[in-house]
Protein backbone atom coordinates (compact mmCIF):
# COMPACT_ATOMS: atom_id res chain seq x y z
CA MET A 1 -28.70 45.53 83.18
CA THR A 2 -28.85 48.91 81.47
CA ASP A 3 -26.17 51.55 82.05
CA GLN A 4 -28.78 54.30 82.05
CA PRO A 5 -28.04 56.25 85.26
CA PHE A 6 -30.52 56.19 88.14
CA SER A 7 -30.64 56.48 91.91
CA VAL A 8 -32.64 54.40 94.38
CA TYR A 9 -33.51 55.57 97.91
CA PHE A 10 -34.28 53.41 100.95
CA ALA A 11 -35.62 54.50 104.35
CA LEU A 12 -33.57 53.16 107.27
CA ASP A 13 -35.97 52.54 110.13
CA GLY A 14 -33.66 51.73 113.03
CA PRO A 15 -34.38 49.04 115.64
CA ASP A 16 -37.96 50.01 116.61
CA LEU A 17 -41.10 51.49 115.07
CA ASP A 18 -42.30 53.52 118.02
CA GLY A 19 -40.97 56.89 116.93
CA LEU A 20 -38.93 57.26 120.10
CA VAL A 21 -36.22 54.60 120.11
CA GLY A 22 -33.32 54.18 117.71
CA SER A 23 -32.54 56.18 114.62
CA ALA A 24 -33.79 57.16 111.18
CA GLY A 25 -31.87 57.57 107.97
CA MET A 26 -31.69 57.25 104.21
CA LEU A 27 -29.62 55.06 101.92
CA ARG A 28 -28.97 56.14 98.33
CA PHE A 29 -27.63 53.79 95.66
CA ASP A 30 -26.37 55.21 92.35
CA TRP A 31 -26.15 53.21 89.13
CA PRO A 32 -24.00 52.59 87.11
CA GLU A 33 -21.39 53.97 89.52
CA ARG A 34 -22.35 51.30 92.09
CA LYS A 35 -21.91 53.80 94.87
CA PHE A 36 -24.06 54.06 97.94
CA TYR A 37 -24.44 56.79 100.55
CA VAL A 38 -25.91 56.53 104.05
CA GLN A 39 -27.11 59.45 106.15
CA HIS A 40 -28.71 59.34 109.59
CA TYR A 41 -30.64 62.19 111.18
CA ASP A 42 -30.60 63.02 114.87
CA GLY A 43 -33.83 63.62 116.75
CA ILE A 44 -36.16 61.30 114.83
CA SER A 45 -36.54 57.53 114.55
CA ALA A 46 -38.30 54.82 112.60
CA ALA A 47 -37.99 56.18 109.06
CA HIS A 48 -40.63 54.55 106.89
CA ASN A 49 -40.95 55.85 103.34
CA PRO A 50 -39.00 58.33 101.17
CA SER A 51 -41.17 60.52 98.91
CA LEU A 52 -39.23 62.18 96.07
CA ALA A 53 -40.31 65.51 94.64
CA PRO A 54 -40.98 65.57 90.87
CA ASN A 55 -38.00 67.88 90.32
CA GLY A 56 -35.66 65.23 91.75
CA LYS A 57 -34.07 67.73 94.13
CA LEU A 58 -36.10 67.34 97.33
CA ALA A 59 -37.39 64.40 99.33
CA LEU A 60 -39.53 63.84 102.40
CA LEU A 61 -38.48 61.12 104.81
CA GLY A 62 -41.70 59.71 106.28
CA ASN A 63 -41.23 58.49 109.84
CA PHE A 64 -42.95 57.57 113.10
CA GLY A 65 -41.21 60.36 115.00
CA GLN A 66 -44.01 62.95 114.54
CA THR A 67 -41.65 65.09 112.44
CA ILE A 68 -41.73 66.44 108.88
CA MET A 69 -38.24 65.86 107.43
CA LEU A 70 -37.31 67.71 104.21
CA LEU A 71 -34.06 66.62 102.55
CA ASP A 72 -31.88 67.84 99.67
CA ILE A 73 -31.27 64.83 97.42
CA SER A 74 -29.43 66.81 94.75
CA ASP A 75 -26.46 66.31 97.10
CA PRO A 76 -25.40 62.66 97.58
CA LYS A 77 -24.96 63.37 101.29
CA MET A 78 -28.71 64.11 101.49
CA PRO A 79 -28.47 67.00 103.97
CA GLU A 80 -31.47 68.15 105.96
CA VAL A 81 -33.22 71.24 104.55
CA ALA A 82 -35.87 71.72 107.23
CA ARG A 83 -37.85 69.85 109.85
CA GLN A 84 -41.05 70.52 111.75
CA SER A 85 -42.72 68.70 114.63
CA THR A 86 -46.29 67.80 113.70
CA MET A 87 -47.24 68.05 117.38
CA TYR A 88 -47.17 71.83 116.88
CA PHE A 89 -50.44 71.81 114.94
CA GLU A 90 -52.04 68.47 115.96
CA GLU A 91 -51.22 66.23 118.88
CA CYS A 92 -51.20 62.45 118.36
CA SER A 93 -51.39 60.14 121.34
CA TYR A 94 -50.89 56.96 119.30
CA ARG A 95 -47.25 56.18 118.53
CA LEU A 96 -47.82 54.95 114.96
CA ARG A 97 -50.15 57.79 113.97
CA ALA A 98 -47.60 59.87 112.13
CA ASN A 99 -46.72 61.26 108.69
CA THR A 100 -45.31 58.14 107.06
CA HIS A 101 -46.34 58.86 103.45
CA HIS A 102 -46.64 62.05 101.41
CA LEU A 103 -48.00 63.25 98.09
CA TRP A 104 -46.08 65.86 96.10
CA TYR A 105 -47.74 68.35 93.80
CA PRO A 106 -46.19 68.68 90.31
CA ASP A 107 -44.65 72.04 91.28
CA SER A 108 -42.37 70.33 93.86
CA GLU A 109 -43.24 73.13 96.29
CA ARG A 110 -46.33 71.68 97.97
CA PHE A 111 -47.18 68.30 99.40
CA ILE A 112 -49.92 66.58 101.40
CA GLY A 113 -49.55 64.41 104.49
CA ALA A 114 -51.77 62.86 107.15
CA VAL A 115 -51.33 63.97 110.75
CA GLY A 116 -53.68 62.72 113.46
CA ASP A 117 -57.29 62.98 112.29
CA HIS A 118 -56.68 65.25 109.29
CA LEU A 119 -54.94 65.72 105.97
CA TYR A 120 -52.70 68.78 105.71
CA ARG A 121 -51.20 70.64 102.74
CA PHE A 122 -47.67 71.95 103.31
CA HIS A 123 -45.38 74.36 101.48
CA VAL A 124 -41.66 73.62 101.55
CA ASP A 125 -40.88 77.21 102.58
CA ASP A 126 -43.24 77.17 105.58
CA LEU A 127 -43.63 73.75 107.20
CA LYS A 128 -44.90 75.31 110.42
CA HIS A 129 -48.19 76.58 109.01
CA PRO A 130 -49.87 73.90 106.86
CA GLU A 131 -53.44 74.13 105.57
CA ASN A 132 -55.89 71.75 107.26
CA LEU A 133 -57.76 70.08 104.40
CA GLY A 134 -60.26 68.25 106.58
CA PRO A 135 -60.74 64.99 108.51
CA HIS A 136 -59.96 61.69 106.83
CA TYR A 137 -62.20 59.61 109.18
CA LEU A 138 -59.76 56.68 109.25
CA GLU A 139 -58.31 55.10 112.36
CA ASN A 140 -54.77 55.68 111.16
CA ALA A 141 -54.31 57.04 107.62
CA HIS A 142 -51.19 55.47 106.14
CA GLU A 143 -50.24 55.38 102.45
CA LEU A 144 -51.64 58.14 100.22
CA ARG A 145 -52.01 57.92 96.44
CA TRP A 146 -53.03 60.54 93.86
CA ASP A 147 -55.44 59.91 91.02
CA SER A 148 -54.23 61.00 87.56
CA GLN A 149 -55.78 64.48 87.92
CA ASN A 150 -54.52 65.25 91.45
CA ARG A 151 -58.08 65.59 92.65
CA TYR A 152 -58.77 62.37 94.56
CA ILE A 153 -56.54 60.78 97.20
CA LEU A 154 -56.83 57.08 98.01
CA MET A 155 -55.77 56.30 101.59
CA GLY A 156 -54.88 53.03 103.29
CA ASP A 157 -55.61 52.52 106.99
CA LEU A 158 -53.00 51.13 109.37
CA GLY A 159 -55.65 50.78 112.07
CA PRO A 160 -55.04 50.63 115.82
CA GLU A 161 -52.50 48.17 117.18
CA LYS A 162 -53.48 44.47 117.21
CA LYS A 163 -56.75 45.05 115.38
CA ASP A 164 -57.81 45.16 111.75
CA VAL A 165 -60.17 47.89 110.56
CA ARG A 166 -60.73 46.66 106.98
CA GLN A 167 -61.29 50.02 105.34
CA VAL A 168 -59.80 52.61 103.01
CA ALA A 169 -60.96 56.13 102.17
CA VAL A 170 -61.17 58.45 99.16
CA PHE A 171 -60.55 62.17 99.73
CA ASP A 172 -62.04 64.62 97.20
CA LEU A 173 -60.14 67.93 97.11
CA ALA A 174 -62.80 69.47 94.85
CA GLU A 175 -65.48 69.15 97.55
CA PRO A 176 -65.95 72.67 99.01
CA ILE A 177 -66.91 71.47 102.52
CA PRO A 178 -63.85 69.99 104.28
CA GLU A 179 -65.96 67.71 106.51
CA LYS A 180 -67.48 66.05 103.41
CA ARG A 181 -64.28 65.44 101.47
CA SER A 182 -63.46 61.98 102.83
CA ARG A 183 -65.54 58.87 102.14
CA VAL A 184 -64.68 55.67 104.03
CA ILE A 185 -65.06 52.41 102.11
CA LYS A 186 -65.34 49.09 103.96
CA ILE A 187 -63.41 46.16 102.47
CA GLN A 188 -62.88 42.50 103.39
CA ASN A 189 -59.18 42.69 104.17
CA ASN A 190 -56.93 44.97 106.17
CA SER A 191 -55.21 47.42 103.81
CA TRP A 192 -52.29 49.60 104.82
CA HIS A 193 -51.06 50.40 101.33
CA CYS A 194 -52.80 51.19 98.07
CA SER A 195 -52.19 52.20 94.48
CA VAL A 196 -54.10 53.97 91.70
CA HIS A 197 -54.31 53.33 87.96
CA PRO A 198 -52.14 55.89 86.06
CA THR A 199 -54.95 57.02 83.74
CA LYS A 200 -58.25 55.56 84.97
CA PRO A 201 -60.21 56.41 88.16
CA ILE A 202 -59.49 52.97 89.62
CA GLY A 203 -57.82 52.26 92.95
CA TYR A 204 -56.18 49.05 94.16
CA SER A 205 -56.10 47.95 97.78
CA LEU A 206 -53.00 45.98 98.78
CA THR A 207 -53.94 43.59 101.57
CA TYR A 208 -51.86 42.04 104.32
CA SER A 209 -54.14 39.58 106.11
CA LEU A 210 -57.73 38.63 106.59
CA ILE A 211 -59.49 39.20 109.89
CA THR A 212 -59.14 36.30 112.31
CA ASP A 213 -61.82 34.66 114.43
CA HIS A 214 -60.60 36.68 117.41
CA ASP A 215 -60.88 40.00 115.55
CA ASP A 216 -57.15 40.72 115.76
CA TRP A 217 -54.06 40.28 113.61
CA VAL A 218 -51.88 38.29 116.00
CA ASN A 219 -52.33 35.12 113.94
CA TRP A 220 -50.95 36.20 110.58
CA SER A 221 -50.26 32.82 109.00
CA PRO A 222 -53.85 31.67 108.26
CA GLY A 223 -54.72 35.10 106.92
CA TYR A 224 -51.55 35.10 104.81
CA VAL A 225 -52.54 31.83 103.16
CA ARG A 226 -56.21 32.76 102.70
CA GLU A 227 -55.20 36.13 101.26
CA TYR A 228 -53.31 34.54 98.37
CA ILE A 229 -56.18 32.19 97.60
CA TYR A 230 -58.62 35.07 97.82
CA GLU A 231 -56.61 37.33 95.50
CA ILE A 232 -55.09 35.04 92.88
CA GLY A 233 -56.81 31.68 93.37
CA THR A 234 -55.28 28.29 94.04
CA PRO A 235 -52.19 27.14 92.11
CA TRP A 236 -53.99 24.13 90.62
CA GLU A 237 -56.76 26.39 89.29
CA ASN A 238 -54.57 29.31 88.14
CA PHE A 239 -51.27 27.65 87.40
CA GLU A 240 -50.12 30.15 84.74
CA LEU A 241 -50.61 33.09 87.13
CA TRP A 242 -48.77 31.35 89.95
CA LYS A 243 -45.97 30.44 87.56
CA LYS A 244 -45.69 34.06 86.46
CA LEU A 245 -45.52 35.33 90.03
CA ALA A 246 -42.88 32.74 90.92
CA TYR A 247 -40.50 33.80 88.12
CA PRO A 248 -37.49 34.50 90.43
CA PHE A 249 -37.46 30.84 91.45
CA LEU A 250 -38.43 29.42 88.06
CA HIS A 251 -36.09 31.66 86.03
CA PRO A 252 -32.99 32.05 88.22
CA GLU A 253 -30.83 32.47 85.11
CA ARG A 254 -31.98 36.10 85.09
CA ILE A 255 -30.35 36.72 88.47
CA THR A 256 -26.60 37.39 88.34
CA ALA A 257 -26.17 40.01 91.08
CA PRO A 258 -24.66 38.91 94.41
CA THR A 259 -27.63 38.46 96.74
CA LEU A 260 -27.84 38.55 100.54
CA PHE A 261 -30.89 36.92 102.15
CA GLN A 262 -31.93 37.66 105.74
CA CYS A 263 -34.97 36.35 107.59
CA ALA A 264 -36.45 35.87 111.04
CA GLY A 265 -36.62 32.20 111.97
CA ASP A 266 -40.18 32.29 113.33
CA ASP A 267 -41.62 34.76 110.81
CA ASP A 268 -45.19 33.74 109.94
CA ASN A 269 -45.77 36.86 107.81
CA VAL A 270 -42.88 36.35 105.36
CA PRO A 271 -41.71 32.78 106.13
CA CYS A 272 -38.04 31.90 105.79
CA VAL A 273 -38.77 29.13 103.33
CA GLY A 274 -38.82 31.60 100.43
CA ALA A 275 -35.35 32.92 101.26
CA GLN A 276 -34.07 29.39 101.82
CA GLN A 277 -35.33 28.21 98.43
CA MET A 278 -33.85 31.20 96.57
CA TYR A 279 -30.55 30.82 98.44
CA GLN A 280 -30.26 27.17 97.42
CA THR A 281 -31.22 28.06 93.84
CA LEU A 282 -28.59 30.80 93.45
CA LYS A 283 -25.99 28.70 95.27
CA THR A 284 -26.58 25.87 92.79
CA ARG A 285 -26.12 28.25 89.86
CA GLY A 286 -22.88 29.69 91.25
CA VAL A 287 -24.25 33.17 91.99
CA PRO A 288 -22.56 34.76 95.03
CA THR A 289 -25.11 34.51 97.82
CA LYS A 290 -25.47 34.29 101.58
CA LEU A 291 -28.35 33.38 103.92
CA ILE A 292 -28.66 34.68 107.49
CA VAL A 293 -31.43 33.36 109.75
CA TYR A 294 -32.15 35.05 113.09
CA PRO A 295 -33.66 32.30 115.31
CA GLY A 296 -36.66 32.96 117.53
CA GLU A 297 -37.59 36.27 115.87
CA ASN A 298 -40.91 37.01 114.17
CA HIS A 299 -40.77 39.55 111.31
CA GLU A 300 -39.09 42.33 113.34
CA LEU A 301 -35.79 41.84 115.14
CA ASP A 302 -35.85 42.64 118.86
CA VAL A 303 -32.61 41.09 120.15
CA PRO A 304 -29.98 43.89 120.32
CA SER A 305 -27.13 41.64 119.17
CA TYR A 306 -29.17 40.61 116.11
CA LEU A 307 -29.77 44.25 115.20
CA VAL A 308 -26.05 44.96 115.39
CA HIS A 309 -25.24 41.83 113.40
CA ARG A 310 -27.73 42.70 110.66
CA MET A 311 -26.32 46.20 110.21
CA ARG A 312 -22.75 44.92 110.08
CA ALA A 313 -23.70 42.16 107.65
CA ASP A 314 -25.35 44.70 105.33
CA ILE A 315 -22.33 47.01 105.38
CA GLU A 316 -19.89 44.14 104.81
CA TRP A 317 -21.94 42.89 101.85
CA PHE A 318 -22.13 46.37 100.31
CA ASP A 319 -18.42 46.94 100.85
CA ARG A 320 -17.61 43.64 99.19
CA TRP A 321 -19.80 43.88 96.11
CA LEU A 322 -20.49 47.57 95.45
CA LYS A 323 -16.97 48.96 95.55
């Protein structure tokens, strides 16, 4: 691994994603010092996504707590600079309809976020009075992505709970009429997150599952399997592609870092079998590794003792291998 210095930031979501229970925080890991810093922030919960300003000095901690959180990341302690309740300018009755993702302008002074039915443009010096850019027409706008010219915004849709909406939207900031800026595009799969080509006007929709026969997303496993076949084909028809995507398992000699695996025993979204296979592989090669399985849980942990155990296991692993 290179010794070129860098920092990585992780959102700490706490035990629940309802914006009311638990905590929210940020973890920073610095390389090559191998130091990490953890900061939690009172009054919000369910941190989701850190968005770093281009100047590398500020960050927004997206969350489900209906709060804009502006942080100073020039300081390893990541102190809070300012916060603002989004309920002040638009009420949201749905618990997951919050500012989880943000787009920074190149000047590191302005950013865009989705609140309720609209997109808003904020200035770091006045979070209380954002500019309403217009409705996005999505059920629950989630990830936002710029095009290369900072004109178009591609938006994923989280949708209402227990139902897929199968749509994304493109927001055109050059359109003079706010009500005409957003165009909803129907797609086959549910898409929360998205990405955009760095130079071309091409967007990519990252899918999670196909719609089920009951028009809900309770049964993830069939959709999970069909999604892979739909996107990359079957392994016997596209073996080279599958082999490329499976490189961690097929080329374990590239992995030398101590690795902790954790999984929910009944997870049908990200099944435990992947963690089990990688654990056995690294164990065979003599790489320090550990596997923790939380029985009876499906993707998210709900048992309080498991939540405590997971946090303690993470801290113990970091203390052992990063100091």
